[in-house]
Amino acid sequence: MLPPPDKAAVYELGCAVTRLDQTLGQLVNIAKSRLEPPPSLGDLAVRRANDVRSAQPCPVGEFKDDLAHLRRLAMAASDLLDLLSDEEDR
């Protein structure tokens, strides 16, 4: 069993959640301006990203909850990056 994280680890994780949330917001704006109008895969990815962002508007200070949210943010960002990079290849 792993020891509980210290306050510094919880703080750093909270900072990472905040940074990735802001970055995901920027990716959503870029995707909205560059991808095909709805309905498209881009629209679904944008809605999913917005849903993830609104599910936890700020870090809660609980390591497991924040880590899970960070992973969801990262998956949503990855989906948008994949769509945007595919769009550039056309």
PDB file of N, CA and C in Angstrom:
ATOM      1  N   MET A   1       0.841  -1.179   0.000  1.00  0.00           N
ATOM      2  CA  MET A   1       0.000   0.000   0.000  1.00  0.00           C
ATOM      3  C   MET A   1       0.886   1.241   0.000  1.00  0.00           C
ATOM      4  N   LEU A   2       0.548   2.190  -0.825  1.00  0.00           N
ATOM      5  CA  LEU A   2       1.315   3.425  -0.930  1.00  0.00           C
ATOM      6  C   LEU A   2       0.981   4.369   0.218  1.00  0.00           C
ATOM      7  N   PRO A   3       1.976   5.115   0.680  1.00  0.00           N
ATOM      8  CA  PRO A   3       1.689   6.103   1.725  1.00  0.00           C
ATOM      9  C   PRO A   3       0.863   7.250   1.151  1.00  0.00           C
ATOM     10  N   PRO A   4       0.097   7.923   2.000  1.00  0.00           N
ATOM     11  CA  PRO A   4      -0.687   9.041   1.486  1.00  0.00           C
ATOM     12  C   PRO A   4       0.227  10.155   0.985  1.00  0.00           C
ATOM     13  N   PRO A   5      -0.205  10.883  -0.057  1.00  0.00           N
ATOM     14  CA  PRO A   5       0.633  11.951  -0.599  1.00  0.00           C
ATOM     15  C   PRO A   5       0.760  13.104   0.401  1.00  0.00           C
ATOM     16  N   ASP A   6       1.902  13.784   0.345  1.00  0.00           N
ATOM     17  CA  ASP A   6       2.088  14.926   1.239  1.00  0.00           C
ATOM     18  C   ASP A   6       1.407  16.165   0.644  1.00  0.00           C
ATOM     19  N   LYS A   7       1.384  17.237   1.408  1.00  0.00           N
ATOM     20  CA  LYS A   7       0.699  18.463   0.979  1.00  0.00           C
ATOM     21  C   LYS A   7       1.301  19.041  -0.298  1.00  0.00           C
ATOM     22  N   ALA A   8       2.617  18.908  -0.446  1.00  0.00           N
ATOM     23  CA  ALA A   8       3.273  19.431  -1.648  1.00  0.00           C
ATOM     24  C   ALA A   8       2.789  18.697  -2.897  1.00  0.00           C
ATOM     25  N   ALA A   9       2.618  17.375  -2.800  1.00  0.00           N
ATOM     26  CA  ALA A   9       2.148  16.593  -3.949  1.00  0.00           C
ATOM     27  C   ALA A   9       0.715  16.966  -4.303  1.00  0.00           C
ATOM     28  N   VAL A  10      -0.118  17.164  -3.288  1.00  0.00           N
ATOM     29  CA  VAL A  10      -1.512  17.566  -3.534  1.00  0.00           C
ATOM     30  C   VAL A  10      -1.543  18.947  -4.185  1.00  0.00           C
ATOM     31  N   TYR A  11      -0.701  19.847  -3.703  1.00  0.00           N
ATOM     32  CA  TYR A  11      -0.638  21.200  -4.275  1.00  0.00           C
ATOM     33  C   TYR A  11      -0.185  21.154  -5.735  1.00  0.00           C
ATOM     34  N   GLU A  12       0.878  20.412  -6.024  1.00  0.00           N
ATOM     35  CA  GLU A  12       1.384  20.304  -7.403  1.00  0.00           C
ATOM     36  C   GLU A  12       0.338  19.697  -8.328  1.00  0.00           C
ATOM     37  N   LEU A  13      -0.372  18.707  -7.832  1.00  0.00           N
ATOM     38  CA  LEU A  13      -1.424  18.096  -8.636  1.00  0.00           C
ATOM     39  C   LEU A  13      -2.529  19.113  -8.920  1.00  0.00           C
ATOM     40  N   GLY A  14      -2.893  19.897  -7.923  1.00  0.00           N
ATOM     41  CA  GLY A  14      -3.894  20.940  -8.126  1.00  0.00           C
ATOM     42  C   GLY A  14      -3.456  21.950  -9.169  1.00  0.00           C
ATOM     43  N   CYS A  15      -2.176  22.316  -9.136  1.00  0.00           N
ATOM     44  CA  CYS A  15      -1.639  23.239 -10.146  1.00  0.00           C
ATOM     45  C   CYS A  15      -1.704  22.621 -11.538  1.00  0.00           C
ATOM     46  N   ALA A  16      -1.392  21.336 -11.632  1.00  0.00           N
ATOM     47  CA  ALA A  16      -1.440  20.650 -12.927  1.00  0.00           C
ATOM     48  C   ALA A  16      -2.877  20.599 -13.455  1.00  0.00           C
ATOM     49  N   VAL A  17      -3.840  20.345 -12.572  1.00  0.00           N
ATOM     50  CA  VAL A  17      -5.248  20.332 -12.974  1.00  0.00           C
ATOM     51  C   VAL A  17      -5.650  21.700 -13.520  1.00  0.00           C
ATOM     52  N   THR A  18      -5.258  22.753 -12.815  1.00  0.00           N
ATOM     53  CA  THR A  18      -5.613  24.109 -13.243  1.00  0.00           C
ATOM     54  C   THR A  18      -4.997  24.436 -14.603  1.00  0.00           C
ATOM     55  N   ARG A  19      -3.708  24.123 -14.774  1.00  0.00           N
ATOM     56  CA  ARG A  19      -3.032  24.411 -16.048  1.00  0.00           C
ATOM     57  C   ARG A  19      -3.656  23.639 -17.202  1.00  0.00           C
ATOM     58  N   LEU A  20      -3.907  22.348 -16.986  1.00  0.00           N
ATOM     59  CA  LEU A  20      -4.470  21.545 -18.068  1.00  0.00           C
ATOM     60  C   LEU A  20      -5.901  21.973 -18.381  1.00  0.00           C
ATOM     61  N   ASP A  21      -6.656  22.368 -17.369  1.00  0.00           N
ATOM     62  CA  ASP A  21      -8.008  22.867 -17.608  1.00  0.00           C
ATOM     63  C   ASP A  21      -7.967  24.118 -18.480  1.00  0.00           C
ATOM     64  N   GLN A  22      -7.055  25.028 -18.202  1.00  0.00           N
ATOM     65  CA  GLN A  22      -6.920  26.239 -19.012  1.00  0.00           C
ATOM     66  C   GLN A  22      -6.486  25.905 -20.436  1.00  0.00           C
ATOM     67  N   THR A  23      -5.556  24.986 -20.568  1.00  0.00           N
ATOM     68  CA  THR A  23      -5.090  24.566 -21.891  1.00  0.00           C
ATOM     69  C   THR A  23      -6.222  23.907 -22.671  1.00  0.00           C
ATOM     70  N   LEU A  24      -6.998  23.080 -21.995  1.00  0.00           N
ATOM     71  CA  LEU A  24      -8.123  22.425 -22.661  1.00  0.00           C
ATOM     72  C   LEU A  24      -9.141  23.461 -23.128  1.00  0.00           C
ATOM     73  N   GLY A  25      -9.358  24.492 -22.339  1.00  0.00           N
ATOM     74  CA  GLY A  25     -10.251  25.575 -22.764  1.00  0.00           C
ATOM     75  C   GLY A  25      -9.763  26.232 -24.037  1.00  0.00           C
ATOM     76  N   GLN A  26      -8.452  26.443 -24.143  1.00  0.00           N
ATOM     77  CA  GLN A  26      -7.891  27.021 -25.363  1.00  0.00           C
ATOM     78  C   GLN A  26      -8.053  26.073 -26.544  1.00  0.00           C
ATOM     79  N   LEU A  27      -7.844  24.771 -26.316  1.00  0.00           N
ATOM     80  CA  LEU A  27      -8.025  23.791 -27.390  1.00  0.00           C
ATOM     81  C   LEU A  27      -9.477  23.761 -27.864  1.00  0.00           C
ATOM     82  N   VAL A  28     -10.413  23.879 -26.939  1.00  0.00           N
ATOM     83  CA  VAL A  28     -11.828  23.911 -27.309  1.00  0.00           C
ATOM     84  C   VAL A  28     -12.092  25.104 -28.226  1.00  0.00           C
ATOM     85  N   ASN A  29     -11.576  26.254 -27.879  1.00  0.00           N
ATOM     86  CA  ASN A  29     -11.772  27.446 -28.717  1.00  0.00           C
ATOM     87  C   ASN A  29     -11.158  27.268 -30.097  1.00  0.00           C
ATOM     88  N   ILE A  30      -9.968  26.696 -30.157  1.00  0.00           N
ATOM     89  CA  ILE A  30      -9.312  26.444 -31.451  1.00  0.00           C
ATOM     90  C   ILE A  30     -10.136  25.458 -32.271  1.00  0.00           C
ATOM     91  N   ALA A  31     -10.594  24.391 -31.626  1.00  0.00           N
ATOM     92  CA  ALA A  31     -11.377  23.377 -32.338  1.00  0.00           C
ATOM     93  C   ALA A  31     -12.676  23.962 -32.873  1.00  0.00           C
ATOM     94  N   LYS A  32     -13.339  24.786 -32.087  1.00  0.00           N
ATOM     95  CA  LYS A  32     -14.590  25.402 -32.537  1.00  0.00           C
ATOM     96  C   LYS A  32     -14.373  26.262 -33.778  1.00  0.00           C
ATOM     97  N   SER A  33     -13.233  26.917 -33.851  1.00  0.00           N
ATOM     98  CA  SER A  33     -12.991  27.809 -34.986  1.00  0.00           C
ATOM     99  C   SER A  33     -12.468  27.073 -36.222  1.00  0.00           C
ATOM    100  N   ARG A  34     -11.896  25.891 -36.048  1.00  0.00           N
ATOM    101  CA  ARG A  34     -11.239  25.229 -37.177  1.00  0.00           C
ATOM    102  C   ARG A  34     -11.928  23.985 -37.693  1.00  0.00           C
ATOM    103  N   LEU A  35     -12.727  23.327 -36.881  1.00  0.00           N
ATOM    104  CA  LEU A  35     -13.328  22.072 -37.310  1.00  0.00           C
ATOM    105  C   LEU A  35     -14.657  22.324 -38.014  1.00  0.00           C
ATOM    106  N   GLU A  36     -15.128  21.280 -38.701  1.00  0.00           N
ATOM    107  CA  GLU A  36     -16.383  21.363 -39.444  1.00  0.00           C
ATOM    108  C   GLU A  36     -17.528  21.726 -38.508  1.00  0.00           C
ATOM    109  N   PRO A  37     -18.560  22.358 -39.048  1.00  0.00           N
ATOM    110  CA  PRO A  37     -19.718  22.667 -38.205  1.00  0.00           C
ATOM    111  C   PRO A  37     -20.395  21.388 -37.722  1.00  0.00           C
ATOM    112  N   PRO A  38     -21.144  21.472 -36.625  1.00  0.00           N
ATOM    113  CA  PRO A  38     -21.824  20.287 -36.085  1.00  0.00           C
ATOM    114  C   PRO A  38     -22.811  19.733 -37.100  1.00  0.00           C
ATOM    115  N   PRO A  39     -23.184  18.497 -37.044  1.00  0.00           N
ATOM    116  CA  PRO A  39     -22.624  17.466 -36.183  1.00  0.00           C
ATOM    117  C   PRO A  39     -21.379  16.839 -36.812  1.00  0.00           C
ATOM    118  N   SER A  40     -20.365  16.697 -36.052  1.00  0.00           N
ATOM    119  CA  SER A  40     -19.125  16.082 -36.508  1.00  0.00           C
ATOM    120  C   SER A  40     -18.418  15.468 -35.316  1.00  0.00           C
ATOM    121  N   LEU A  41     -17.361  14.724 -35.617  1.00  0.00           N
ATOM    122  CA  LEU A  41     -16.551  14.162 -34.523  1.00  0.00           C
ATOM    123  C   LEU A  41     -15.963  15.276 -33.671  1.00  0.00           C
ATOM    124  N   GLY A  42     -15.626  16.381 -34.314  1.00  0.00           N
ATOM    125  CA  GLY A  42     -15.082  17.522 -33.581  1.00  0.00           C
ATOM    126  C   GLY A  42     -16.082  18.074 -32.590  1.00  0.00           C
ATOM    127  N   ASP A  43     -17.347  18.135 -32.986  1.00  0.00           N
ATOM    128  CA  ASP A  43     -18.386  18.639 -32.090  1.00  0.00           C
ATOM    129  C   ASP A  43     -18.528  17.729 -30.872  1.00  0.00           C
ATOM    130  N   LEU A  44     -18.480  16.425 -31.089  1.00  0.00           N
ATOM    131  CA  LEU A  44     -18.574  15.483 -29.973  1.00  0.00           C
ATOM    132  C   LEU A  44     -17.390  15.643 -29.024  1.00  0.00           C
ATOM    133  N   ALA A  45     -16.194  15.812 -29.567  1.00  0.00           N
ATOM    134  CA  ALA A  45     -15.003  15.977 -28.738  1.00  0.00           C
ATOM    135  C   ALA A  45     -15.054  17.285 -27.956  1.00  0.00           C
ATOM    136  N   VAL A  46     -15.566  18.338 -28.591  1.00  0.00           N
ATOM    137  CA  VAL A  46     -15.695  19.636 -27.913  1.00  0.00           C
ATOM    138  C   VAL A  46     -16.706  19.522 -26.776  1.00  0.00           C
ATOM    139  N   ARG A  47     -17.836  18.881 -27.029  1.00  0.00           N
ATOM    140  CA  ARG A  47     -18.838  18.719 -25.967  1.00  0.00           C
ATOM    141  C   ARG A  47     -18.294  17.885 -24.813  1.00  0.00           C
ATOM    142  N   ARG A  48     -17.571  16.813 -25.140  1.00  0.00           N
ATOM    143  CA  ARG A  48     -16.980  15.973 -24.094  1.00  0.00           C
ATOM    144  C   ARG A  48     -15.972  16.768 -23.274  1.00  0.00           C
ATOM    145  N   ALA A  49     -15.151  17.572 -23.943  1.00  0.00           N
ATOM    146  CA  ALA A  49     -14.166  18.399 -23.238  1.00  0.00           C
ATOM    147  C   ALA A  49     -14.861  19.395 -22.318  1.00  0.00           C
ATOM    148  N   ASN A  50     -15.918  20.024 -22.808  1.00  0.00           N
ATOM    149  CA  ASN A  50     -16.661  20.971 -21.965  1.00  0.00           C
ATOM    150  C   ASN A  50     -17.315  20.269 -20.780  1.00  0.00           C
ATOM    151  N   ASP A  51     -17.818  19.056 -20.997  1.00  0.00           N
ATOM    152  CA  ASP A  51     -18.420  18.287 -19.905  1.00  0.00           C
ATOM    153  C   ASP A  51     -17.382  17.944 -18.834  1.00  0.00           C
ATOM    154  N   VAL A  52     -16.200  17.543 -19.273  1.00  0.00           N
ATOM    155  CA  VAL A  52     -15.130  17.209 -18.317  1.00  0.00           C
ATOM    156  C   VAL A  52     -14.725  18.452 -17.538  1.00  0.00           C
ATOM    157  N   ARG A  53     -14.583  19.572 -18.234  1.00  0.00           N
ATOM    158  CA  ARG A  53     -14.184  20.815 -17.562  1.00  0.00           C
ATOM    159  C   ARG A  53     -15.226  21.250 -16.546  1.00  0.00           C
ATOM    160  N   SER A  54     -16.493  21.116 -16.860  1.00  0.00           N
ATOM    161  CA  SER A  54     -17.537  21.570 -15.945  1.00  0.00           C
ATOM    162  C   SER A  54     -17.792  20.588 -14.801  1.00  0.00           C
ATOM    163  N   ALA A  55     -17.339  19.345 -14.946  1.00  0.00           N
ATOM    164  CA  ALA A  55     -17.560  18.353 -13.899  1.00  0.00           C
ATOM    165  C   ALA A  55     -16.827  18.714 -12.607  1.00  0.00           C
ATOM    166  N   GLN A  56     -15.689  19.353 -12.736  1.00  0.00           N
ATOM    167  CA  GLN A  56     -14.914  19.755 -11.562  1.00  0.00           C
ATOM    168  C   GLN A  56     -14.261  21.089 -11.901  1.00  0.00           C
ATOM    169  N   PRO A  57     -14.915  22.202 -11.576  1.00  0.00           N
ATOM    170  CA  PRO A  57     -14.418  23.507 -12.014  1.00  0.00           C
ATOM    171  C   PRO A  57     -13.088  23.935 -11.385  1.00  0.00           C
ATOM    172  N   CYS A  58     -12.688  23.310 -10.293  1.00  0.00           N
ATOM    173  CA  CYS A  58     -11.396  23.644  -9.690  1.00  0.00           C
ATOM    174  C   CYS A  58     -10.909  22.436  -8.902  1.00  0.00           C
ATOM    175  N   PRO A  59      -9.608  22.369  -8.623  1.00  0.00           N
ATOM    176  CA  PRO A  59      -9.090  21.246  -7.831  1.00  0.00           C
ATOM    177  C   PRO A  59      -9.770  21.199  -6.463  1.00  0.00           C
ATOM    178  N   VAL A  60     -10.033  19.984  -5.988  1.00  0.00           N
ATOM    179  CA  VAL A  60     -10.743  19.828  -4.721  1.00  0.00           C
ATOM    180  C   VAL A  60      -9.807  19.563  -3.545  1.00  0.00           C
ATOM    181  N   GLY A  61      -8.534  19.351  -3.833  1.00  0.00           N
ATOM    182  CA  GLY A  61      -7.573  19.122  -2.761  1.00  0.00           C
ATOM    183  C   GLY A  61      -7.514  17.682  -2.269  1.00  0.00           C
ATOM    184  N   GLU A  62      -8.235  16.817  -2.928  1.00  0.00           N
ATOM    185  CA  GLU A  62      -8.178  15.388  -2.623  1.00  0.00           C
ATOM    186  C   GLU A  62      -7.377  14.713  -3.728  1.00  0.00           C
ATOM    187  N   PHE A  63      -6.273  14.079  -3.370  1.00  0.00           N
ATOM    188  CA  PHE A  63      -5.328  13.562  -4.349  1.00  0.00           C
ATOM    189  C   PHE A  63      -5.992  12.631  -5.354  1.00  0.00           C
ATOM    190  N   LYS A  64      -6.749  11.646  -4.886  1.00  0.00           N
ATOM    191  CA  LYS A  64      -7.347  10.667  -5.802  1.00  0.00           C
ATOM    192  C   LYS A  64      -8.357  11.323  -6.737  1.00  0.00           C
ATOM    193  N   ASP A  65      -9.184  12.214  -6.210  1.00  0.00           N
ATOM    194  CA  ASP A  65     -10.183  12.888  -7.052  1.00  0.00           C
ATOM    195  C   ASP A  65      -9.518  13.791  -8.080  1.00  0.00           C
ATOM    196  N   ASP A  66      -8.528  14.554  -7.648  1.00  0.00           N
ATOM    197  CA  ASP A  66      -7.835  15.452  -8.574  1.00  0.00           C
ATOM    198  C   ASP A  66      -7.050  14.668  -9.620  1.00  0.00           C
ATOM    199  N   LEU A  67      -6.450  13.557  -9.228  1.00  0.00           N
ATOM    200  CA  LEU A  67      -5.705  12.736 -10.186  1.00  0.00           C
ATOM    201  C   LEU A  67      -6.640  12.150 -11.234  1.00  0.00           C
ATOM    202  N   ALA A  68      -7.797  11.686 -10.802  1.00  0.00           N
ATOM    203  CA  ALA A  68      -8.775  11.143 -11.751  1.00  0.00           C
ATOM    204  C   ALA A  68      -9.250  12.235 -12.712  1.00  0.00           C
ATOM    205  N   HIS A  69      -9.494  13.426 -12.178  1.00  0.00           N
ATOM    206  CA  HIS A  69      -9.934  14.535 -13.032  1.00  0.00           C
ATOM    207  C   HIS A  69      -8.825  14.943 -13.999  1.00  0.00           C
ATOM    208  N   LEU A  70      -7.583  14.951 -13.538  1.00  0.00           N
ATOM    209  CA  LEU A  70      -6.457  15.280 -14.415  1.00  0.00           C
ATOM    210  C   LEU A  70      -6.384  14.294 -15.574  1.00  0.00           C
ATOM    211  N   ARG A  71      -6.610  13.027 -15.292  1.00  0.00           N
ATOM    212  CA  ARG A  71      -6.588  12.016 -16.356  1.00  0.00           C
ATOM    213  C   ARG A  71      -7.719  12.242 -17.355  1.00  0.00           C
ATOM    214  N   ARG A  72      -8.906  12.589 -16.863  1.00  0.00           N
ATOM    215  CA  ARG A  72     -10.020  12.860 -17.782  1.00  0.00           C
ATOM    216  C   ARG A  72      -9.731  14.091 -18.641  1.00  0.00           C
ATOM    217  N   LEU A  73      -9.151  15.125 -18.033  1.00  0.00           N
ATOM    218  CA  LEU A  73      -8.769  16.311 -18.800  1.00  0.00           C
ATOM    219  C   LEU A  73      -7.756  15.950 -19.881  1.00  0.00           C
ATOM    220  N   ALA A  74      -6.775  15.124 -19.514  1.00  0.00           N
ATOM    221  CA  ALA A  74      -5.735  14.732 -20.466  1.00  0.00           C
ATOM    222  C   ALA A  74      -6.313  13.936 -21.629  1.00  0.00           C
ATOM    223  N   MET A  75      -7.262  13.048 -21.347  1.00  0.00           N
ATOM    224  CA  MET A  75      -7.879  12.277 -22.430  1.00  0.00           C
ATOM    225  C   MET A  75      -8.676  13.184 -23.364  1.00  0.00           C
ATOM    226  N   ALA A  76      -9.398  14.139 -22.803  1.00  0.00           N
ATOM    227  CA  ALA A  76     -10.167  15.070 -23.636  1.00  0.00           C
ATOM    228  C   ALA A  76      -9.226  15.928 -24.482  1.00  0.00           C
ATOM    229  N   ALA A  77      -8.122  16.377 -23.888  1.00  0.00           N
ATOM    230  CA  ALA A  77      -7.144  17.169 -24.640  1.00  0.00           C
ATOM    231  C   ALA A  77      -6.519  16.337 -25.748  1.00  0.00           C
ATOM    232  N   SER A  78      -6.219  15.098 -25.460  1.00  0.00           N
ATOM    233  CA  SER A  78      -5.636  14.215 -26.470  1.00  0.00           C
ATOM    234  C   SER A  78      -6.591  14.012 -27.643  1.00  0.00           C
ATOM    235  N   ASP A  79      -7.874  13.820 -27.341  1.00  0.00           N
ATOM    236  CA  ASP A  79      -8.871  13.668 -28.410  1.00  0.00           C
ATOM    237  C   ASP A  79      -8.914  14.900 -29.312  1.00  0.00           C
ATOM    238  N   LEU A  80      -8.925  16.082 -28.695  1.00  0.00           N
ATOM    239  CA  LEU A  80      -8.970  17.311 -29.495  1.00  0.00           C
ATOM    240  C   LEU A  80      -7.686  17.488 -30.309  1.00  0.00           C
ATOM    241  N   LEU A  81      -6.551  17.201 -29.705  1.00  0.00           N
ATOM    242  CA  LEU A  81      -5.281  17.317 -30.439  1.00  0.00           C
ATOM    243  C   LEU A  81      -5.253  16.361 -31.626  1.00  0.00           C
ATOM    244  N   ASP A  82      -5.754  15.147 -31.435  1.00  0.00           N
ATOM    245  CA  ASP A  82      -5.810  14.183 -32.547  1.00  0.00           C
ATOM    246  C   ASP A  82      -6.685  14.721 -33.673  1.00  0.00           C
ATOM    247  N   LEU A  83      -7.853  15.240 -33.333  1.00  0.00           N
ATOM    248  CA  LEU A  83      -8.741  15.786 -34.364  1.00  0.00           C
ATOM    249  C   LEU A  83      -8.127  16.969 -35.080  1.00  0.00           C
ATOM    250  N   LEU A  84      -7.496  17.865 -34.323  1.00  0.00           N
ATOM    251  CA  LEU A  84      -6.882  19.043 -34.940  1.00  0.00           C
ATOM    252  C   LEU A  84      -5.694  18.657 -35.817  1.00  0.00           C
ATOM    253  N   SER A  85      -4.915  17.675 -35.401  1.00  0.00           N
ATOM    254  CA  SER A  85      -3.775  17.271 -36.227  1.00  0.00           C
ATOM    255  C   SER A  85      -4.251  16.529 -37.476  1.00  0.00           C
ATOM    256  N   ASP A  86      -5.335  15.752 -37.364  1.00  0.00           N
ATOM    257  CA  ASP A  86      -5.908  15.092 -38.544  1.00  0.00           C
ATOM    258  C   ASP A  86      -6.443  16.121 -39.519  1.00  0.00           C
ATOM    259  N   GLU A  87      -7.012  17.200 -38.992  1.00  0.00           N
ATOM    260  CA  GLU A  87      -7.565  18.262 -39.834  1.00  0.00           C
ATOM    261  C   GLU A  87      -6.459  18.943 -40.638  1.00  0.00           C
ATOM    262  N   GLU A  88      -5.268  19.087 -40.041  1.00  0.00           N
ATOM    263  CA  GLU A  88      -4.148  19.714 -40.746  1.00  0.00           C
ATOM    264  C   GLU A  88      -3.607  18.822 -41.864  1.00  0.00           C
ATOM    265  N   ASP A  89      -3.776  17.496 -41.720  1.00  0.00           N
ATOM    266  CA  ASP A  89      -3.251  16.568 -42.732  1.00  0.00           C
ATOM    267  C   ASP A  89      -4.076  16.571 -44.009  1.00  0.00           C
ATOM    268  N   ARG A  90      -5.249  17.125 -43.966  1.00  0.00           N
ATOM    269  CA  ARG A  90      -6.123  17.100 -45.163  1.00  0.00           C
ATOM    270  C   ARG A  90      -5.685  18.117 -46.163  1.00  0.00           C
TER     271      ARG A  90
END
